[in-house]
Amino acid sequence: LCLGCTPLVRAEAARETRLATFSCDITPPPGQPMFACDPIRTVERPLLAKGIVLEAEGRRYVLCALDWCELCNDTHDEIQRIIADAAKTDPAHVAVQTVHQHAAPMVDKDAHRLLAEAGSPQLMLDPKTLDPIEERLSKAVRLSLNTLQPFNQIGTGQAKVDRVASNRRVIDVAGRLQTRWSTCKDPDLRALPEGMIDPHLKTITLAHDGRPLVRLHYYATHPQSQYGHGRASSDVVGHARESLETKEHVFQVYFTGCAGNITMGKYNDGSEKCRSELADRLLAGMEASAAATRLVPVELVRWHTYPLRLTARTDPGFTVADSLAHMKDPKARRDSRVYAGAIRAAFHQRSRRPIVLSSLRIGRVCMLNLPGEPTLDYQLFAQGLRPADFVAVAAYGNLGPGYICTESVFTEGGYEPSASNATAESEPLLKTAISTLLGVE
């Protein structure tokens, strides 16, 4: 009888779903550059790595969000491997996304090496400063395994966020395409309509017998309200996330959706007043989404991957030679030398290998993890493929490709295609990847 029961006990243990949470400080030291080569002078709000380790059917999966502006090319793969080793799983079972605040660093060792060879290493985060950060992150993930606990319920909720997101690509009264940046001081541009956005903030809750253990929030907008002042900060999204964690005593993780053409510009003139109001309204949306959550039993857990190969642009201004020349140009803006120069040149090398996309599916809930800065079209496309399911999209994985635009955006012009390192043919490739990950032909 005992021998006969043993396989049943092992099978039951294999089916058990467990999770652990981890968090650590990933703020670079003072003096290190953030976005736009702005050196850190003070830390307004610590930059955090927050995530979960999920165990199901004897396998482990990791979802991680970093309070960094960008994590690009092979350095993204490196962080992915470090987390995988700490979690004792395969790198393909790890999704690493950045939240994309601009009061935070852009991280790419290959781009830094190119800048160093050109005599300008100070423009980008020094790879040596990454060593202690990677050690802290590895330790946090490794120690979290000691706290794995069962969960048997998953919940979904969503709520409209009032006056936060707005479309960056707006048509003025003269019919011209204009760019409404994250900080917009032009009253005429701010007066134009919101444009196409996804107004809903989505929340996924993992719970045990009715007790929430973690909430994962997804919302599509560029998350910065201010930057360029020497203050490292997780900005309004970090404020809302940590405020709700303090209030609920539930671990909170925030992911930025497909926000390539979405900003807070309509509602942000750069003032402290606007910044405080944005944080409060985002927090209210998170609270409403959490309150709307309905829990159901955990069903089958599945992790899917897709190798996406995006082609680097070779049109004038985007070749390797053009990128390196721009990187070395002392007359070019410093941030442009980094983004349109070093990172773009590094992507040319990285693009020879695919970027592995992933999705985590629990019953009728799907968490989709995408690279680059996709425009909102891709998020709406993903949700439209499974309208009866709950599809939450996290973008800003490997930022090597830069903006991932639709073909129509390339045709229309504007800022986004000028910051895309991948060709216009990316649209059918990424949509095929999304469809496959969601199991839709």
Protein backbone atom coordinates (compact mmCIF):
# COMPACT_ATOMS: atom_id res chain seq x y z
CA LEU A 1 0.00 0.00 0.00
CA CYS A 2 2.80 2.43 0.89
CA LEU A 3 4.64 1.65 -2.33
CA GLY A 4 1.45 2.24 -4.28
CA CYS A 5 0.88 5.65 -2.67
CA THR A 6 4.34 7.06 -3.33
CA PRO A 7 3.81 7.94 -7.03
CA LEU A 8 0.54 9.67 -6.15
CA VAL A 9 2.29 11.85 -3.54
CA ARG A 10 5.04 12.76 -5.99
CA ALA A 11 2.51 13.56 -8.72
CA GLU A 12 0.58 15.79 -6.32
CA ALA A 13 3.78 17.62 -5.35
CA ALA A 14 4.66 18.11 -9.00
CA ARG A 15 1.25 19.71 -9.65
CA GLU A 16 1.56 22.13 -6.72
CA THR A 17 1.95 25.76 -7.75
CA ARG A 18 4.20 27.90 -5.60
CA LEU A 19 5.61 31.39 -5.78
CA ALA A 20 8.19 33.62 -4.17
CA THR A 21 8.82 37.36 -4.49
CA PHE A 22 12.11 39.23 -4.64
CA SER A 23 13.20 42.85 -4.57
CA CYS A 24 16.54 44.64 -4.44
CA ASP A 25 18.05 48.08 -4.99
CA ILE A 26 19.57 48.50 -8.47
CA THR A 27 20.39 52.21 -8.23
CA PRO A 28 23.82 52.96 -9.74
CA PRO A 29 26.32 54.97 -7.64
CA PRO A 30 26.52 58.78 -7.78
CA GLY A 31 28.14 60.18 -10.88
CA GLN A 32 26.94 57.42 -13.18
CA PRO A 33 24.89 58.64 -16.17
CA MET A 34 21.18 58.15 -16.58
CA PHE A 35 19.10 58.78 -19.71
CA ALA A 36 20.36 61.82 -21.68
CA CYS A 37 23.77 61.32 -20.01
CA ASP A 38 22.50 63.09 -16.89
CA PRO A 39 24.80 62.08 -13.97
CA ILE A 40 23.24 60.92 -10.72
CA ARG A 41 23.65 63.54 -7.99
CA THR A 42 20.92 62.43 -5.59
CA VAL A 43 18.50 59.53 -5.21
CA GLU A 44 14.95 60.80 -4.97
CA ARG A 45 13.42 57.32 -4.98
CA PRO A 46 15.49 54.10 -5.17
CA LEU A 47 15.44 52.14 -8.40
CA LEU A 48 14.27 48.59 -7.67
CA ALA A 49 14.26 45.20 -9.33
CA LYS A 50 11.01 43.47 -8.39
CA GLY A 51 9.70 40.14 -9.52
CA ILE A 52 8.31 36.72 -8.82
CA VAL A 53 9.55 33.16 -9.10
CA LEU A 54 6.69 30.85 -10.02
CA GLU A 55 6.94 27.08 -9.71
CA ALA A 56 4.51 24.74 -11.48
CA GLU A 57 4.69 21.18 -12.74
CA GLY A 58 8.25 20.93 -11.46
CA ARG A 59 9.45 23.95 -13.51
CA ARG A 60 10.35 27.48 -12.46
CA TYR A 61 9.52 30.70 -14.28
CA VAL A 62 10.54 34.28 -13.47
CA LEU A 63 8.88 37.61 -14.23
CA CYS A 64 11.08 40.61 -13.37
CA ALA A 65 10.64 44.39 -13.79
CA LEU A 66 13.63 46.73 -13.48
CA ASP A 67 13.38 50.44 -12.67
CA TRP A 68 15.82 51.21 -15.50
CA CYS A 69 15.27 53.18 -18.66
CA GLU A 70 16.72 50.54 -20.97
CA LEU A 71 18.49 47.18 -20.88
CA CYS A 72 19.84 46.41 -24.33
CA ASN A 73 21.35 43.75 -26.54
CA ASP A 74 23.68 41.13 -25.00
CA THR A 75 23.55 42.78 -21.55
CA HIS A 76 19.84 41.95 -21.42
CA ASP A 77 20.73 38.31 -22.11
CA GLU A 78 23.38 38.46 -19.38
CA ILE A 79 20.93 39.69 -16.73
CA GLN A 80 18.50 37.03 -17.89
CA ARG A 81 21.14 34.32 -17.35
CA ILE A 82 22.11 35.68 -13.93
CA ILE A 83 18.49 35.53 -12.77
CA ALA A 84 18.03 32.07 -14.30
CA ASP A 85 21.11 30.71 -12.52
CA ALA A 86 19.90 32.13 -9.20
CA ALA A 87 16.41 30.68 -9.70
CA LYS A 88 17.83 27.34 -10.90
CA THR A 89 15.95 27.46 -14.18
CA ASP A 90 16.53 27.97 -17.88
CA PRO A 91 17.16 31.52 -19.21
CA ALA A 92 14.29 30.99 -21.66
CA HIS A 93 12.03 30.72 -18.59
CA VAL A 94 12.97 34.24 -17.44
CA ALA A 95 11.31 37.45 -18.65
CA VAL A 96 13.20 40.67 -17.84
CA GLN A 97 11.43 43.95 -18.63
CA THR A 98 12.41 47.52 -17.82
CA VAL A 99 9.80 49.98 -16.56
CA HIS A 100 11.47 52.68 -18.70
CA GLN A 101 11.64 55.66 -16.35
CA HIS A 102 13.99 58.28 -17.79
CA ALA A 103 15.44 59.27 -14.41
CA ALA A 104 17.27 55.94 -14.61
CA PRO A 105 20.19 54.42 -16.55
CA MET A 106 20.49 52.95 -20.02
CA VAL A 107 22.47 49.72 -19.70
CA ASP A 108 24.40 48.11 -22.56
CA LYS A 109 27.95 46.83 -22.10
CA ASP A 110 28.53 46.50 -25.85
CA ALA A 111 27.48 50.10 -26.49
CA HIS A 112 29.70 51.26 -23.61
CA ARG A 113 32.65 49.42 -25.13
CA LEU A 114 32.11 51.21 -28.44
CA LEU A 115 31.91 54.57 -26.68
CA ALA A 116 35.06 53.78 -24.69
CA GLU A 117 36.92 52.95 -27.90
CA ALA A 118 35.81 56.34 -29.23
CA GLY A 119 37.07 58.09 -26.09
CA SER A 120 33.65 58.84 -24.56
CA PRO A 121 33.00 56.15 -21.92
CA GLN A 122 31.46 58.71 -19.54
CA LEU A 123 28.32 58.93 -21.69
CA MET A 124 27.00 55.56 -20.52
CA LEU A 125 26.82 53.47 -17.36
CA ASP A 126 30.23 51.96 -16.51
CA PRO A 127 29.95 48.12 -16.70
CA LYS A 128 32.11 47.86 -13.55
CA THR A 129 29.28 49.42 -11.54
CA LEU A 130 27.03 46.59 -12.70
CA ASP A 131 28.97 43.92 -10.83
CA PRO A 132 27.63 44.70 -7.31
CA ILE A 133 24.14 45.31 -8.73
CA GLU A 134 24.15 41.92 -10.45
CA GLU A 135 25.38 40.30 -7.23
CA ARG A 136 22.54 41.88 -5.23
CA LEU A 137 19.99 40.80 -7.81
CA SER A 138 21.32 37.24 -7.90
CA LYS A 139 21.28 37.04 -4.11
CA ALA A 140 17.73 38.38 -3.89
CA VAL A 141 16.43 35.80 -6.37
CA ARG A 142 18.42 32.98 -4.74
CA LEU A 143 17.18 33.80 -1.23
CA SER A 144 13.60 34.06 -2.46
CA LEU A 145 13.62 30.32 -3.15
CA ASN A 146 13.62 29.78 0.62
CA THR A 147 10.24 31.50 0.80
CA LEU A 148 8.39 29.62 -1.95
CA GLN A 149 4.80 29.22 -0.82
CA PRO A 150 1.74 27.64 -2.41
CA PHE A 151 -0.89 29.65 -4.27
CA ASN A 152 -4.14 28.19 -5.53
CA GLN A 153 -6.01 31.19 -6.93
CA ILE A 154 -5.52 33.75 -9.67
CA GLY A 155 -7.48 36.97 -9.94
CA THR A 156 -7.96 39.60 -12.60
CA GLY A 157 -9.19 43.15 -12.39
CA GLN A 158 -9.00 46.30 -14.44
CA ALA A 159 -9.93 49.95 -14.09
CA LYS A 160 -9.80 53.06 -16.20
CA VAL A 161 -7.03 55.46 -15.26
CA ASP A 162 -8.15 59.06 -15.26
CA ARG A 163 -6.03 61.68 -17.04
CA VAL A 164 -2.63 60.01 -17.18
CA ALA A 165 -1.96 58.49 -20.62
CA SER A 166 -2.21 60.34 -23.93
CA ASN A 167 -1.05 59.65 -27.46
CA ARG A 168 2.25 61.28 -28.40
CA ARG A 169 1.40 61.43 -32.12
CA VAL A 170 -1.25 64.14 -32.42
CA ILE A 171 -2.67 66.07 -35.37
CA ASP A 172 -2.88 69.83 -34.82
CA VAL A 173 -5.62 72.16 -36.09
CA ALA A 174 -3.67 72.62 -39.34
CA GLY A 175 -3.67 68.86 -39.96
CA ARG A 176 0.04 68.42 -39.22
CA LEU A 177 1.55 65.55 -37.25
CA GLN A 178 3.00 66.85 -33.98
CA THR A 179 4.93 65.21 -31.14
CA ARG A 180 3.49 65.68 -27.65
CA TRP A 181 6.45 64.79 -25.44
CA SER A 182 6.26 63.39 -21.90
CA THR A 183 6.64 66.94 -20.62
CA CYS A 184 4.61 69.31 -22.76
CA LYS A 185 4.61 73.04 -22.03
CA ASP A 186 2.71 74.00 -25.19
CA PRO A 187 -0.90 74.68 -24.12
CA ASP A 188 -2.18 74.15 -27.65
CA LEU A 189 -0.69 70.65 -27.87
CA ARG A 190 -1.96 69.80 -24.40
CA ALA A 191 -5.44 70.94 -25.41
CA LEU A 192 -5.60 68.44 -28.28
CA PRO A 193 -7.52 65.18 -27.60
CA GLU A 194 -5.95 62.23 -25.78
CA GLY A 195 -5.90 60.25 -29.00
CA MET A 196 -5.80 56.46 -29.11
CA ILE A 197 -4.77 54.95 -25.76
CA ASP A 198 -5.57 51.86 -23.73
CA PRO A 199 -7.35 53.49 -20.80
CA HIS A 200 -7.33 50.38 -18.63
CA LEU A 201 -4.77 49.41 -16.03
CA LYS A 202 -4.85 45.62 -15.65
CA THR A 203 -4.02 43.75 -12.44
CA ILE A 204 -3.26 40.07 -11.99
CA THR A 205 -3.35 38.77 -8.43
CA LEU A 206 -1.92 35.46 -7.22
CA ALA A 207 -3.49 34.33 -3.95
CA HIS A 208 -3.83 31.43 -1.52
CA ASP A 209 -7.26 30.69 -0.05
CA GLY A 210 -8.42 34.26 -0.64
CA ARG A 211 -5.25 35.96 0.66
CA PRO A 212 -3.41 37.98 -2.03
CA LEU A 213 0.31 37.20 -2.20
CA VAL A 214 1.32 39.41 -5.12
CA ARG A 215 -0.25 41.83 -7.57
CA LEU A 216 1.13 42.39 -11.08
CA HIS A 217 0.04 45.68 -12.69
CA TYR A 218 0.15 46.48 -16.42
CA TYR A 219 -0.42 49.94 -17.92
CA ALA A 220 0.66 51.52 -21.21
CA THR A 221 2.31 54.91 -20.99
CA HIS A 222 5.82 56.30 -20.92
CA PRO A 223 6.28 56.45 -17.14
CA GLN A 224 8.35 59.62 -16.73
CA SER A 225 7.11 62.97 -15.50
CA GLN A 226 10.49 64.66 -14.96
CA TYR A 227 14.12 63.88 -15.74
CA GLY A 228 17.39 65.63 -16.49
CA HIS A 229 17.76 67.04 -12.97
CA GLY A 230 20.34 64.63 -11.59
CA ARG A 231 17.78 62.81 -9.43
CA ALA A 232 17.54 59.04 -9.83
CA SER A 233 13.89 58.12 -9.39
CA SER A 234 11.32 55.43 -10.12
CA ASP A 235 9.03 58.42 -10.77
CA VAL A 236 5.23 58.43 -10.51
CA VAL A 237 4.87 54.71 -11.24
CA GLY A 238 7.31 53.82 -8.46
CA HIS A 239 5.48 56.12 -6.07
CA ALA A 240 2.11 54.54 -6.88
CA ARG A 241 3.48 50.99 -6.74
CA GLU A 242 5.21 51.37 -3.38
CA SER A 243 2.35 53.38 -1.88
CA LEU A 244 -0.08 50.57 -2.66
CA GLU A 245 2.34 47.97 -1.27
CA THR A 246 2.57 49.92 1.99
CA LYS A 247 -1.20 50.29 2.16
CA GLU A 248 -2.13 46.70 1.29
CA HIS A 249 0.91 44.85 2.69
CA VAL A 250 0.87 42.91 -0.57
CA PHE A 251 3.90 42.69 -2.88
CA GLN A 252 3.38 44.86 -5.98
CA VAL A 253 5.10 44.70 -9.39
CA TYR A 254 4.51 47.21 -12.22
CA PHE A 255 5.06 46.54 -15.94
CA THR A 256 4.90 49.12 -18.72
CA GLY A 257 2.83 48.02 -21.71
CA CYS A 258 3.23 48.92 -25.39
CA ALA A 259 3.82 52.63 -24.85
CA GLY A 260 6.02 53.50 -27.82
CA ASN A 261 3.61 56.26 -28.86
CA ILE A 262 1.98 56.94 -25.46
CA THR A 263 3.10 59.56 -22.91
CA MET A 264 1.73 61.65 -20.05
CA GLY A 265 2.28 64.83 -22.08
CA LYS A 266 -1.33 66.02 -22.25
CA TYR A 267 -1.48 66.09 -18.46
CA ASN A 268 2.10 67.05 -17.60
CA ASP A 269 3.69 70.47 -17.96
CA GLY A 270 6.72 69.38 -15.91
CA SER A 271 5.55 71.03 -12.69
CA GLU A 272 5.56 69.40 -9.29
CA LYS A 273 1.80 69.92 -9.15
CA CYS A 274 1.23 67.87 -12.32
CA ARG A 275 3.65 65.24 -11.11
CA SER A 276 1.86 64.80 -7.80
CA GLU A 277 -1.54 64.64 -9.52
CA LEU A 278 -0.31 62.02 -12.01
CA ALA A 279 1.01 59.83 -9.18
CA ASP A 280 -2.26 60.14 -7.27
CA ARG A 281 -4.41 59.33 -10.30
CA LEU A 282 -2.26 56.33 -11.22
CA LEU A 283 -2.46 55.07 -7.64
CA ALA A 284 -6.25 55.49 -7.73
CA GLY A 285 -6.36 53.38 -10.90
CA MET A 286 -4.25 50.66 -9.29
CA GLU A 287 -6.46 50.64 -6.20
CA ALA A 288 -9.62 50.43 -8.32
CA SER A 289 -8.17 47.62 -10.40
CA ALA A 290 -7.16 45.69 -7.28
CA ALA A 291 -10.62 46.25 -5.79
CA ALA A 292 -12.25 44.89 -8.96
CA THR A 293 -10.28 41.64 -8.73
CA ARG A 294 -12.17 38.36 -8.76
CA LEU A 295 -10.32 35.20 -7.75
CA VAL A 296 -10.74 31.81 -9.43
CA PRO A 297 -8.91 28.50 -8.91
CA VAL A 298 -5.54 28.12 -10.62
CA GLU A 299 -5.76 26.05 -13.76
CA LEU A 300 -3.08 24.73 -16.07
CA VAL A 301 0.17 26.76 -16.05
CA ARG A 302 2.03 27.00 -19.34
CA TRP A 303 5.10 28.96 -20.47
CA HIS A 304 5.68 29.52 -24.18
CA THR A 305 8.63 31.05 -26.03
CA TYR A 306 9.20 32.37 -29.54
CA PRO A 307 12.53 33.26 -31.20
CA LEU A 308 12.01 36.62 -32.92
CA ARG A 309 14.61 37.78 -35.39
CA LEU A 310 14.34 41.47 -36.29
CA THR A 311 16.43 42.91 -39.12
CA ALA A 312 18.64 45.92 -38.39
CA ARG A 313 18.04 48.90 -40.65
CA THR A 314 20.57 49.67 -43.35
CA ASP A 315 18.90 52.68 -44.96
CA PRO A 316 20.91 55.93 -44.98
CA GLY A 317 21.72 57.06 -41.44
CA PHE A 318 21.13 53.60 -39.96
CA THR A 319 24.04 51.51 -41.22
CA VAL A 320 26.79 50.37 -38.87
CA ALA A 321 29.15 52.94 -40.37
CA ASP A 322 26.58 55.73 -40.01
CA SER A 323 25.84 54.74 -36.42
CA LEU A 324 29.51 54.69 -35.44
CA ALA A 325 30.12 58.02 -37.17
CA HIS A 326 27.21 59.58 -35.28
CA MET A 327 28.52 58.11 -32.03
CA LYS A 328 31.89 59.80 -32.59
CA ASP A 329 30.46 63.16 -33.64
CA PRO A 330 31.27 65.66 -30.85
CA LYS A 331 28.67 68.08 -32.28
CA ALA A 332 25.81 65.60 -31.88
CA ARG A 333 23.69 65.58 -28.72
CA ARG A 334 25.18 63.32 -26.08
CA ASP A 335 22.05 61.22 -25.67
CA SER A 336 21.79 60.83 -29.44
CA ARG A 337 25.39 59.64 -29.60
CA VAL A 338 24.40 56.92 -27.14
CA TYR A 339 21.02 55.93 -28.53
CA ALA A 340 21.32 56.53 -32.28
CA GLY A 341 25.03 55.76 -32.26
CA ALA A 342 26.39 53.18 -29.82
CA ILE A 343 23.24 51.19 -29.01
CA ARG A 344 22.19 51.13 -32.66
CA ALA A 345 25.62 49.85 -33.73
CA ALA A 346 25.50 47.21 -30.99
CA PHE A 347 22.08 46.09 -32.21
CA HIS A 348 23.51 45.45 -35.67
CA GLN A 349 25.72 42.80 -34.06
CA ARG A 350 23.00 41.46 -31.75
CA SER A 351 20.41 41.17 -34.54
CA ARG A 352 22.20 38.18 -36.00
CA ARG A 353 20.61 36.15 -33.19
CA PRO A 354 16.93 36.04 -32.26
CA ILE A 355 15.40 37.68 -29.21
CA VAL A 356 13.40 35.12 -27.23
CA LEU A 357 9.89 36.33 -26.44
CA SER A 358 7.71 34.59 -23.87
CA SER A 359 4.23 34.26 -22.45
CA LEU A 360 2.98 32.85 -19.17
CA ARG A 361 -0.52 31.42 -19.31
CA ILE A 362 -2.55 30.41 -16.25
CA GLY A 363 -5.99 29.22 -17.28
CA ARG A 364 -7.56 32.09 -19.25
CA VAL A 365 -5.02 34.65 -18.04
CA CYS A 366 -2.05 35.39 -20.30
CA MET A 367 1.00 37.54 -19.51
CA LEU A 368 2.80 38.48 -22.74
CA ASN A 369 6.43 39.68 -22.61
CA LEU A 370 7.68 41.74 -25.59
CA PRO A 371 10.95 43.46 -26.53
CA GLY A 372 11.71 47.02 -27.57
CA GLU A 373 9.31 49.96 -27.49
CA PRO A 374 6.30 48.68 -29.46
CA THR A 375 3.62 51.17 -30.34
CA LEU A 376 0.22 50.67 -28.70
CA ASP A 377 -1.08 48.95 -31.83
CA TYR A 378 0.63 45.71 -30.80
CA GLN A 379 -1.01 45.66 -27.37
CA LEU A 380 -4.46 46.19 -28.86
CA PHE A 381 -3.69 43.54 -31.47
CA ALA A 382 -2.75 41.02 -28.76
CA GLN A 383 -5.87 41.73 -26.72
CA GLY A 384 -8.02 41.46 -29.83
CA LEU A 385 -6.74 37.97 -30.59
CA ARG A 386 -8.29 36.60 -27.38
CA PRO A 387 -11.15 38.95 -26.47
CA ALA A 388 -12.68 36.43 -24.06
CA ASP A 389 -9.41 36.02 -22.13
CA PHE A 390 -7.45 38.39 -19.89
CA VAL A 391 -4.34 39.44 -21.84
CA ALA A 392 -1.79 41.64 -20.07
CA VAL A 393 1.17 42.94 -22.07
CA ALA A 394 4.60 43.90 -20.74
CA ALA A 395 6.91 45.61 -23.24
CA TYR A 396 10.44 47.02 -22.82
CA GLY A 397 12.29 43.71 -22.68
CA ASN A 398 15.47 43.76 -24.77
CA LEU A 399 15.64 47.39 -25.96
CA GLY A 400 18.19 46.76 -28.70
CA PRO A 401 15.58 47.15 -31.48
CA GLY A 402 14.47 50.52 -30.11
CA TYR A 403 10.99 51.50 -31.27
CA ILE A 404 9.00 48.77 -33.00
CA CYS A 405 6.58 50.65 -35.23
CA THR A 406 3.84 49.57 -37.57
CA GLU A 407 4.28 50.03 -41.30
CA SER A 408 1.75 52.88 -41.24
CA VAL A 409 3.81 54.76 -38.66
CA PHE A 410 6.86 54.45 -40.90
CA THR A 411 4.80 55.87 -43.74
CA GLU A 412 3.46 58.77 -41.66
CA GLY A 413 6.86 59.70 -40.23
CA GLY A 414 7.36 61.47 -36.93
CA TYR A 415 9.67 60.75 -34.03
CA GLU A 416 9.03 57.03 -33.45
CA PRO A 417 10.37 55.66 -36.77
CA SER A 418 13.43 57.90 -36.44
CA ALA A 419 14.26 56.02 -33.23
CA SER A 420 13.62 52.54 -34.61
CA ASN A 421 16.69 50.34 -35.11
CA ALA A 422 14.66 47.61 -36.85
CA THR A 423 13.10 47.71 -40.30
CA ALA A 424 9.49 48.46 -41.20
CA GLU A 425 9.05 44.74 -41.88
CA SER A 426 9.03 44.21 -38.10
CA GLU A 427 5.22 44.50 -37.95
CA PRO A 428 4.28 41.13 -39.53
CA LEU A 429 7.16 39.44 -37.69
CA LEU A 430 6.12 40.68 -34.26
CA LYS A 431 2.43 40.03 -34.93
CA THR A 432 3.25 36.45 -35.94
CA ALA A 433 5.22 36.04 -32.70
CA ILE A 434 2.33 37.44 -30.62
CA SER A 435 -0.19 35.20 -32.35
CA THR A 436 1.95 32.12 -31.78
CA LEU A 437 2.56 32.93 -28.11
CA LEU A 438 -1.19 33.35 -27.60
CA GLY A 439 -1.97 30.16 -29.48
CA VAL A 440 -3.95 31.86 -32.25
CA GLU A 441 -3.38 31.20 -35.94
